[in-house]
Amino acid sequence: MKISMVSEHASPLAAPGSVDAGGQNVHVAALSRALARRGHSVTVYTRRDDEALPHRVAFDEGVDVVHVDAGPAEHVAKDDLLPYMGELAAGLAAHWADDRPDVVHSHFWMSGLAALDGAAALRGASTPPPVLHTFHALGAVKRRHQGAADTSPPEREYLEPRVGREADTVVATCSDEAFELRALGVPSRRIAIAPCGVDLDLFQAEGPVEERGARYRVLSVGRIVPRKGVDLVVRAIALLRAEGIDDIELIVAGATHGDPEVHRLQELADELGVSDLVRFRGQASREDMPALLRSADVVVCAPWYEPFGIVPLEAMACGTPVVAASVGGLIDSVVDGVTGLHVPPRDPEAIASALQLLLPDADRLRAFGAAGRERVESRYSWDRVAAQTERIYQNTLSRSRRAGHRLEGAAL
């Protein structure tokens, strides 16, 4: 199968944790590689954001990355890219006119606009390929939780549902997202679910462990932005100290994307009297991340909302239990009472209670860690996710062909 991925701002070549680079980059890169291992040919189309980038880069065996000219050849924040999606669509159409893919799989709502318009431009000269789409984050959910802090362009409110309604299939990453999609008007029959995955070769339960400086280590990993809820974990540590648990350290690992949020968190730790227990480690390289995850007793993921969340999978793959806010994809990936504990969102008292229950219980920590590793091996390997995605492609192709035959019959 010849597969075109469209990922306008999130190139698989970008380093995760850099500006506008995170879970989507990892997802597109890993899924493309896994599909190529299954014998498919994958081309990832992304916007050129640097004049020095070559037109085509061989990313891995069976996977190429193509840089399409759309707007200035420089970094543009993802929320400012909408004016250039017409150019991206035209570039995609030009490529596909000469080399038509069997399926198109777009990622993020703006990529969906470009993919749909690029495929539609082929009508007349050839039959457009079916377009599948993964949102990675929904604007409606973002607005609900961030309010005025949401930096999305206002057009997202009506253009994003259009992508959902016009795509041949929307590939949701979790059951909560499927519910949100139905609320946007996407028919259930055109929603399929394939989760994110985890690299089980890199993230393993056995291996080097980063040195720690206290009896208990709690870890928070991810971009340091307000919606990730790191402040909730800092408050939970303060509540534990008030209960006499102070042989503990909170390690905050992640890129800052500017200093204001780190400064705010440092001031909060000072105010709560736990600055000596909280360490901002900075961004960990992908190679260092497994040793860091293995060094923790518990990884806490406390976002306000989370479309999916790769960190819990990486932690479970390393045999580390997870305390997770019961939001979005975390509801599916972390099994309450089996691989970790669920807590209500935005509730530092609940986080503190979960940690107070888990940290002294070495047997439960080991059991949760073993169950987490077993869960990701059985459900979340990228090869398994690629097989699920391949079936969704095949079902979409079959449905598209049946619809084409019906149209041909009606024309006769």
Protein backbone atom coordinates (compact mmCIF):
# COMPACT_ATOMS: atom_id res chain seq x y z
CA MET A 1 0.00 0.00 0.00
CA LYS A 2 1.25 3.49 -0.84
CA ILE A 3 0.51 5.76 2.14
CA SER A 4 0.78 9.55 2.33
CA MET A 5 1.01 11.02 5.81
CA VAL A 6 0.38 14.78 6.14
CA SER A 7 1.74 16.49 9.26
CA GLU A 8 2.00 20.20 8.57
CA HIS A 9 3.84 21.39 11.70
CA ALA A 10 5.06 18.17 13.29
CA SER A 11 7.85 16.67 11.21
CA PRO A 12 9.18 13.25 12.20
CA LEU A 13 12.64 14.80 11.74
CA ALA A 14 12.11 17.28 14.62
CA ALA A 15 13.45 16.56 18.10
CA PRO A 16 10.58 15.88 20.53
CA GLY A 17 10.38 18.63 23.13
CA SER A 18 11.48 21.42 20.78
CA VAL A 19 9.04 24.19 19.93
CA ASP A 20 5.73 22.75 18.63
CA ALA A 21 7.30 19.29 18.70
CA GLY A 22 5.99 16.56 20.96
CA GLY A 23 3.70 13.57 20.90
CA GLN A 24 2.49 14.12 17.34
CA ASN A 25 6.04 14.00 15.96
CA VAL A 26 6.71 10.76 17.84
CA HIS A 27 3.38 9.31 16.68
CA VAL A 28 3.89 10.12 12.99
CA ALA A 29 7.49 8.91 13.00
CA ALA A 30 6.83 5.65 14.85
CA LEU A 31 3.63 4.79 12.99
CA SER A 32 5.30 5.44 9.62
CA ARG A 33 8.23 3.18 10.51
CA ALA A 34 5.95 0.42 11.78
CA LEU A 35 3.78 0.56 8.65
CA ALA A 36 6.94 0.36 6.52
CA ARG A 37 8.00 -2.75 8.46
CA ARG A 38 4.69 -4.27 7.39
CA GLY A 39 5.70 -3.78 3.75
CA HIS A 40 4.02 -0.45 2.98
CA SER A 41 5.61 2.58 1.33
CA VAL A 42 5.14 5.76 3.40
CA THR A 43 5.76 9.38 2.45
CA VAL A 44 5.35 12.02 5.15
CA TYR A 45 4.54 15.50 3.84
CA THR A 46 5.36 18.42 6.12
CA ARG A 47 5.80 22.17 5.68
CA ARG A 48 9.28 23.46 4.86
CA ASP A 49 10.36 25.60 7.83
CA ASP A 50 14.00 26.07 6.87
CA GLU A 51 15.49 27.01 3.49
CA ALA A 52 18.36 24.57 4.03
CA LEU A 53 16.06 21.52 4.17
CA PRO A 54 16.29 19.22 1.14
CA HIS A 55 13.14 18.51 -0.84
CA ARG A 56 13.10 14.81 0.11
CA VAL A 57 14.81 13.02 2.98
CA ALA A 58 15.08 9.25 3.41
CA PHE A 59 13.88 8.94 7.01
CA ASP A 60 14.02 5.17 7.34
CA GLU A 61 13.70 2.11 5.14
CA GLY A 62 10.39 2.54 3.33
CA VAL A 63 9.77 6.05 4.76
CA ASP A 64 10.57 9.38 3.10
CA VAL A 65 9.89 12.90 4.35
CA VAL A 66 8.97 15.53 1.73
CA HIS A 67 9.16 19.23 2.55
CA VAL A 68 6.42 21.23 0.82
CA ASP A 69 6.72 24.98 0.27
CA ALA A 70 3.83 26.66 2.09
CA GLY A 71 4.47 30.08 3.57
CA PRO A 72 7.88 31.35 4.67
CA ALA A 73 10.71 28.84 4.97
CA GLU A 74 11.11 29.52 8.68
CA HIS A 75 9.53 28.47 11.93
CA VAL A 76 5.94 29.65 12.28
CA ALA A 77 3.95 28.80 15.42
CA LYS A 78 1.41 26.11 14.62
CA ASP A 79 -1.52 28.34 15.57
CA ASP A 80 -0.40 30.86 12.91
CA LEU A 81 -0.17 28.39 10.01
CA LEU A 82 -3.77 28.50 8.77
CA PRO A 83 -3.13 31.13 6.01
CA TYR A 84 -0.64 28.77 4.37
CA MET A 85 -2.82 25.66 4.19
CA GLY A 86 -4.00 26.55 0.67
CA GLU A 87 -0.40 26.49 -0.54
CA LEU A 88 0.18 23.20 1.27
CA ALA A 89 -2.94 21.73 -0.39
CA ALA A 90 -1.72 22.84 -3.82
CA GLY A 91 1.69 21.30 -3.18
CA LEU A 92 0.12 18.03 -2.07
CA ALA A 93 -2.12 17.94 -5.15
CA ALA A 94 0.87 18.48 -7.43
CA HIS A 95 2.76 15.60 -5.79
CA TRP A 96 -0.26 13.27 -5.81
CA ALA A 97 -1.11 14.02 -9.45
CA ASP A 98 2.24 12.45 -10.40
CA ASP A 99 2.33 9.80 -7.68
CA ARG A 100 -1.15 8.99 -6.41
CA PRO A 101 -1.23 7.34 -2.96
CA ASP A 102 -3.66 4.58 -2.06
CA VAL A 103 -4.61 6.37 1.17
CA VAL A 104 -3.92 9.72 2.79
CA HIS A 105 -3.64 9.99 6.59
CA SER A 106 -3.52 13.56 7.91
CA HIS A 107 -2.55 14.62 11.45
CA PHE A 108 -3.90 17.72 13.26
CA TRP A 109 -6.83 19.75 12.00
CA MET A 110 -4.90 22.06 9.67
CA SER A 111 -3.25 19.10 7.96
CA GLY A 112 -6.74 17.70 7.51
CA LEU A 113 -7.84 20.83 5.65
CA ALA A 114 -4.83 20.66 3.34
CA ALA A 115 -5.22 16.91 2.75
CA LEU A 116 -8.94 17.15 1.94
CA ASP A 117 -8.44 20.09 -0.42
CA GLY A 118 -5.38 18.49 -2.02
CA ALA A 119 -7.24 15.24 -2.65
CA ALA A 120 -10.31 17.10 -3.99
CA ALA A 121 -8.11 18.90 -6.52
CA LEU A 122 -7.45 15.54 -8.22
CA ARG A 123 -11.10 15.04 -9.18
CA GLY A 124 -11.51 14.81 -12.93
CA ALA A 125 -7.95 13.76 -13.68
CA SER A 126 -8.18 10.72 -11.38
CA THR A 127 -10.16 9.31 -8.49
CA PRO A 128 -9.04 11.05 -5.29
CA PRO A 129 -7.57 8.78 -2.61
CA PRO A 130 -9.58 8.37 0.59
CA VAL A 131 -8.51 10.68 3.41
CA LEU A 132 -8.22 9.43 6.98
CA HIS A 133 -7.57 11.87 9.77
CA THR A 134 -6.22 11.89 13.33
CA PHE A 135 -6.81 15.09 15.29
CA HIS A 136 -4.33 14.56 18.17
CA ALA A 137 -6.17 17.38 20.00
CA LEU A 138 -9.65 18.82 19.56
CA GLY A 139 -10.25 22.55 19.66
CA ALA A 140 -13.58 22.13 21.42
CA VAL A 141 -11.85 20.36 24.31
CA LYS A 142 -9.01 22.87 24.37
CA ARG A 143 -11.43 25.83 24.55
CA ARG A 144 -13.41 24.12 27.30
CA HIS A 145 -10.34 23.83 29.53
CA GLN A 146 -8.18 26.80 28.52
CA GLY A 147 -10.81 29.44 27.79
CA ALA A 148 -9.22 32.76 26.87
CA ALA A 149 -5.74 31.19 27.09
CA ASP A 150 -6.48 29.12 23.97
CA THR A 151 -4.30 30.52 21.17
CA SER A 152 -6.05 28.67 18.33
CA PRO A 153 -7.28 30.83 15.43
CA PRO A 154 -11.04 31.52 15.69
CA GLU A 155 -11.63 29.71 12.39
CA ARG A 156 -10.79 26.44 14.11
CA GLU A 157 -14.24 26.39 15.70
CA TYR A 158 -15.97 25.70 12.36
CA LEU A 159 -13.15 24.34 10.20
CA GLU A 160 -12.19 21.51 12.55
CA PRO A 161 -15.69 19.94 12.52
CA ARG A 162 -15.59 20.20 8.74
CA VAL A 163 -12.48 18.02 8.68
CA GLY A 164 -14.24 15.47 10.89
CA ARG A 165 -17.36 15.38 8.74
CA GLU A 166 -15.57 15.24 5.36
CA ALA A 167 -12.79 12.77 6.13
CA ASP A 168 -13.55 9.24 4.96
CA THR A 169 -12.50 7.94 8.38
CA VAL A 170 -11.49 9.71 11.58
CA VAL A 171 -8.95 7.68 13.54
CA ALA A 172 -9.46 8.51 17.22
CA THR A 173 -6.78 7.57 19.72
CA CYS A 174 -9.10 6.76 22.64
CA SER A 175 -12.74 6.17 23.55
CA ASP A 176 -13.11 9.62 25.13
CA GLU A 177 -12.07 11.26 21.85
CA ALA A 178 -14.60 9.15 19.94
CA PHE A 179 -17.31 10.53 22.26
CA GLU A 180 -16.15 14.10 21.58
CA LEU A 181 -16.11 13.46 17.83
CA ARG A 182 -19.71 12.28 17.84
CA ALA A 183 -20.63 15.51 19.66
CA LEU A 184 -19.00 17.43 16.77
CA GLY A 185 -21.24 15.67 14.27
CA VAL A 186 -18.91 12.94 13.03
CA PRO A 187 -21.00 9.80 12.34
CA SER A 188 -20.09 6.81 14.51
CA ARG A 189 -19.74 4.59 11.42
CA ARG A 190 -16.80 6.73 10.25
CA ILE A 191 -14.92 6.72 13.57
CA ALA A 192 -12.30 4.06 14.23
CA ILE A 193 -9.91 3.79 17.19
CA ALA A 194 -6.18 3.12 17.06
CA PRO A 195 -4.19 4.31 20.10
CA CYS A 196 -0.73 5.79 20.27
CA GLY A 197 2.06 3.32 20.89
CA VAL A 198 5.37 3.02 22.68
CA ASP A 199 8.84 1.88 21.63
CA LEU A 200 9.21 -1.32 23.66
CA ASP A 201 12.83 -1.79 22.61
CA LEU A 202 13.88 1.58 24.02
CA PHE A 203 11.55 1.68 27.03
CA GLN A 204 12.21 -1.49 29.05
CA ALA A 205 11.78 -2.46 32.67
CA GLU A 206 15.38 -3.63 32.97
CA GLY A 207 18.38 -1.39 32.44
CA PRO A 208 20.36 1.50 33.92
CA VAL A 209 18.66 3.59 36.61
CA GLU A 210 19.38 7.27 37.18
CA GLU A 211 20.78 8.00 40.64
CA ARG A 212 18.30 9.50 43.07
CA GLY A 213 18.70 11.72 46.11
CA ALA A 214 15.87 10.72 48.44
CA ARG A 215 14.02 7.67 49.73
CA TYR A 216 11.08 8.35 47.44
CA ARG A 217 11.20 9.81 43.95
CA VAL A 218 8.15 11.23 42.16
CA LEU A 219 8.50 12.21 38.52
CA SER A 220 6.62 14.63 36.28
CA VAL A 221 7.55 14.53 32.57
CA GLY A 222 6.38 16.70 29.72
CA ARG A 223 6.21 20.21 28.38
CA ILE A 224 6.17 22.68 31.26
CA VAL A 225 3.02 24.58 30.45
CA PRO A 226 0.06 25.32 32.76
CA ARG A 227 -2.33 22.74 31.29
CA LYS A 228 0.05 19.90 32.18
CA GLY A 229 -0.74 20.47 35.87
CA VAL A 230 2.80 20.38 37.28
CA ASP A 231 1.69 22.91 39.91
CA LEU A 232 -0.78 20.31 41.19
CA VAL A 233 2.07 17.89 41.81
CA VAL A 234 4.09 20.56 43.61
CA ARG A 235 1.09 21.20 45.87
CA ALA A 236 0.75 17.46 46.48
CA ILE A 237 4.39 17.29 47.61
CA ALA A 238 3.70 20.12 50.05
CA LEU A 239 0.72 18.20 51.45
CA LEU A 240 2.94 15.12 51.92
CA ARG A 241 5.53 17.19 53.78
CA ALA A 242 2.77 18.44 56.06
CA GLU A 243 2.05 14.77 56.85
CA GLY A 244 5.69 14.20 57.79
CA ILE A 245 6.81 12.67 54.47
CA ASP A 246 9.81 14.75 53.50
CA ASP A 247 12.42 12.17 52.49
CA ILE A 248 11.05 12.66 48.98
CA GLU A 249 12.02 14.44 45.78
CA LEU A 250 9.92 15.65 42.86
CA ILE A 251 11.82 15.67 39.59
CA VAL A 252 10.27 17.84 36.88
CA ALA A 253 11.64 16.91 33.46
CA GLY A 254 10.70 18.73 30.28
CA ALA A 255 11.38 21.57 27.92
CA THR A 256 10.21 24.94 29.19
CA HIS A 257 9.30 26.75 25.93
CA GLY A 258 10.26 29.94 27.80
CA ASP A 259 10.91 30.57 31.46
CA PRO A 260 7.67 32.10 32.86
CA GLU A 261 6.02 28.81 33.83
CA VAL A 262 9.19 27.42 35.44
CA HIS A 263 9.56 30.69 37.34
CA ARG A 264 5.94 30.45 38.49
CA LEU A 265 6.45 26.87 39.67
CA GLN A 266 9.66 27.79 41.51
CA GLU A 267 7.86 30.63 43.27
CA LEU A 268 5.04 28.23 44.18
CA ALA A 269 7.52 25.73 45.62
CA ASP A 270 9.14 28.54 47.65
CA GLU A 271 5.75 29.74 48.88
CA LEU A 272 4.75 26.22 49.95
CA GLY A 273 8.09 25.53 51.62
CA VAL A 274 9.14 22.65 49.36
CA SER A 275 11.75 24.25 47.10
CA ASP A 276 14.31 21.86 48.59
CA LEU A 277 12.21 18.88 47.46
CA VAL A 278 11.54 20.02 43.88
CA ARG A 279 14.18 19.86 41.15
CA PHE A 280 13.73 21.10 37.59
CA ARG A 281 15.89 18.75 35.60
CA GLY A 282 15.38 20.27 32.15
CA GLN A 283 14.64 18.27 29.05
CA ALA A 284 15.80 14.67 29.10
CA SER A 285 17.02 13.18 25.85
CA ARG A 286 15.05 10.28 24.47
CA GLU A 287 17.99 7.99 25.19
CA ASP A 288 18.16 9.12 28.83
CA MET A 289 14.42 8.92 29.44
CA PRO A 290 14.19 5.16 30.25
CA ALA A 291 16.79 5.41 33.04
CA LEU A 292 14.97 8.46 34.42
CA LEU A 293 11.59 6.69 34.36
CA ARG A 294 13.03 3.57 36.02
CA SER A 295 14.48 5.73 38.80
CA ALA A 296 11.01 6.90 39.95
CA ASP A 297 8.70 5.16 42.37
CA VAL A 298 5.73 6.83 40.66
CA VAL A 299 5.20 8.98 37.57
CA VAL A 300 2.43 11.54 38.03
CA CYS A 301 0.50 12.74 34.96
CA ALA A 302 -1.94 15.43 36.09
CA PRO A 303 -3.05 17.41 33.01
CA TRP A 304 -6.28 19.38 32.85
CA TYR A 305 -7.01 17.40 29.69
CA GLU A 306 -4.98 15.01 27.54
CA PRO A 307 -5.90 13.82 24.03
CA PHE A 308 -3.89 10.66 24.63
CA GLY A 309 -0.61 10.96 26.53
CA ILE A 310 2.50 9.00 25.62
CA VAL A 311 4.34 9.49 28.95
CA PRO A 312 2.14 6.98 30.85
CA LEU A 313 2.89 4.33 28.22
CA GLU A 314 6.62 5.00 28.46
CA ALA A 315 6.47 4.82 32.25
CA MET A 316 4.51 1.56 32.24
CA ALA A 317 6.91 0.11 29.65
CA CYS A 318 9.70 0.84 32.15
CA GLY A 319 7.78 -0.90 34.93
CA THR A 320 6.92 2.31 36.78
CA PRO A 321 3.41 2.86 38.20
CA VAL A 322 1.43 5.93 37.13
CA VAL A 323 -0.86 8.26 39.05
CA ALA A 324 -3.00 9.79 36.32
CA ALA A 325 -5.78 12.33 36.12
CA SER A 326 -8.89 10.59 34.83
CA VAL A 327 -9.08 12.56 31.59
CA GLY A 328 -8.89 11.76 27.88
CA GLY A 329 -6.64 8.93 26.82
CA LEU A 330 -5.32 8.38 30.36
CA ILE A 331 -8.66 6.78 31.21
CA ASP A 332 -7.90 4.03 28.67
CA SER A 333 -4.15 3.57 29.06
CA VAL A 334 -3.78 3.55 32.87
CA VAL A 335 -5.92 0.88 34.56
CA ASP A 336 -7.02 2.10 37.97
CA GLY A 337 -5.89 -0.27 40.70
CA VAL A 338 -3.90 -2.42 38.24
CA THR A 339 -1.14 -0.34 36.58
CA GLY A 340 -1.59 2.77 38.72
CA LEU A 341 -4.25 4.98 40.23
CA HIS A 342 -6.72 7.43 38.73
CA VAL A 343 -7.36 10.75 40.46
CA PRO A 344 -9.90 13.48 39.67
CA PRO A 345 -8.48 16.29 37.49
CA ARG A 346 -7.12 19.43 39.17
CA ASP A 347 -7.11 17.83 42.62
CA PRO A 348 -3.76 18.05 44.47
CA GLU A 349 -5.28 16.48 47.59
CA ALA A 350 -6.19 13.37 45.58
CA ILE A 351 -2.68 13.20 44.12
CA ALA A 352 -1.19 13.46 47.61
CA SER A 353 -3.51 10.71 48.90
CA ALA A 354 -2.57 8.42 46.01
CA LEU A 355 1.14 8.97 46.62
CA GLN A 356 0.73 8.48 50.37
CA LEU A 357 -0.95 5.16 49.64
CA LEU A 358 1.57 3.93 47.07
CA LEU A 359 5.01 5.14 48.09
CA PRO A 360 5.44 3.05 51.28
CA ASP A 361 3.94 -0.06 49.65
CA ALA A 362 6.83 -1.68 47.80
CA ASP A 363 4.82 -4.82 46.98
CA ARG A 364 2.02 -2.83 45.35
CA LEU A 365 4.51 -0.70 43.43
CA ARG A 366 6.16 -3.85 42.04
CA ALA A 367 2.80 -5.38 41.13
CA PHE A 368 1.61 -2.21 39.39
CA GLY A 369 4.92 -1.94 37.54
CA ALA A 370 4.78 -5.53 36.28
CA ALA A 371 1.14 -5.13 35.22
CA GLY A 372 2.00 -1.91 33.38
CA ARG A 373 4.71 -3.61 31.37
CA GLU A 374 2.39 -6.49 30.53
CA ARG A 375 -0.32 -4.06 29.42
CA VAL A 376 1.85 -2.11 27.00
CA GLU A 377 3.31 -5.31 25.55
CA SER A 378 -0.16 -6.67 24.85
CA ARG A 379 -1.83 -3.49 23.60
CA TYR A 380 0.51 -0.62 22.80
CA SER A 381 3.49 -1.80 20.78
CA TRP A 382 3.86 0.24 17.58
CA ASP A 383 3.71 -2.95 15.53
CA ARG A 384 0.31 -3.73 17.04
CA VAL A 385 -0.88 -0.15 16.52
CA ALA A 386 0.32 -0.29 12.89
CA ALA A 387 -1.62 -3.52 12.34
CA GLN A 388 -4.77 -1.88 13.72
CA THR A 389 -4.19 1.17 11.54
CA GLU A 390 -3.61 -1.00 8.48
CA ARG A 391 -6.99 -2.70 9.04
CA ILE A 392 -8.64 0.72 9.28
CA TYR A 393 -7.00 1.73 5.98
CA GLN A 394 -8.21 -1.47 4.31
CA ASN A 395 -11.75 -1.02 5.61
CA THR A 396 -11.77 2.59 4.41
CA LEU A 397 -10.50 1.55 0.97
CA SER A 398 -13.19 -1.14 0.69
CA ARG A 399 -15.89 1.33 1.68
CA SER A 400 -14.54 3.90 -0.79
CA ARG A 401 -14.51 1.37 -3.64
CA ARG A 402 -18.07 0.28 -2.90
CA ALA A 403 -19.18 3.91 -2.93
CA GLY A 404 -17.37 4.43 -6.26
CA HIS A 405 -19.09 1.43 -7.83
CA ARG A 406 -22.48 2.74 -6.69
CA LEU A 407 -21.76 6.10 -8.28
CA GLU A 408 -20.66 4.46 -11.53
CA GLY A 409 -23.85 2.38 -11.58
CA ALA A 410 -25.99 5.47 -10.99
CA ALA A 411 -24.26 7.27 -13.87
CA LEU A 412 -25.07 4.41 -16.22
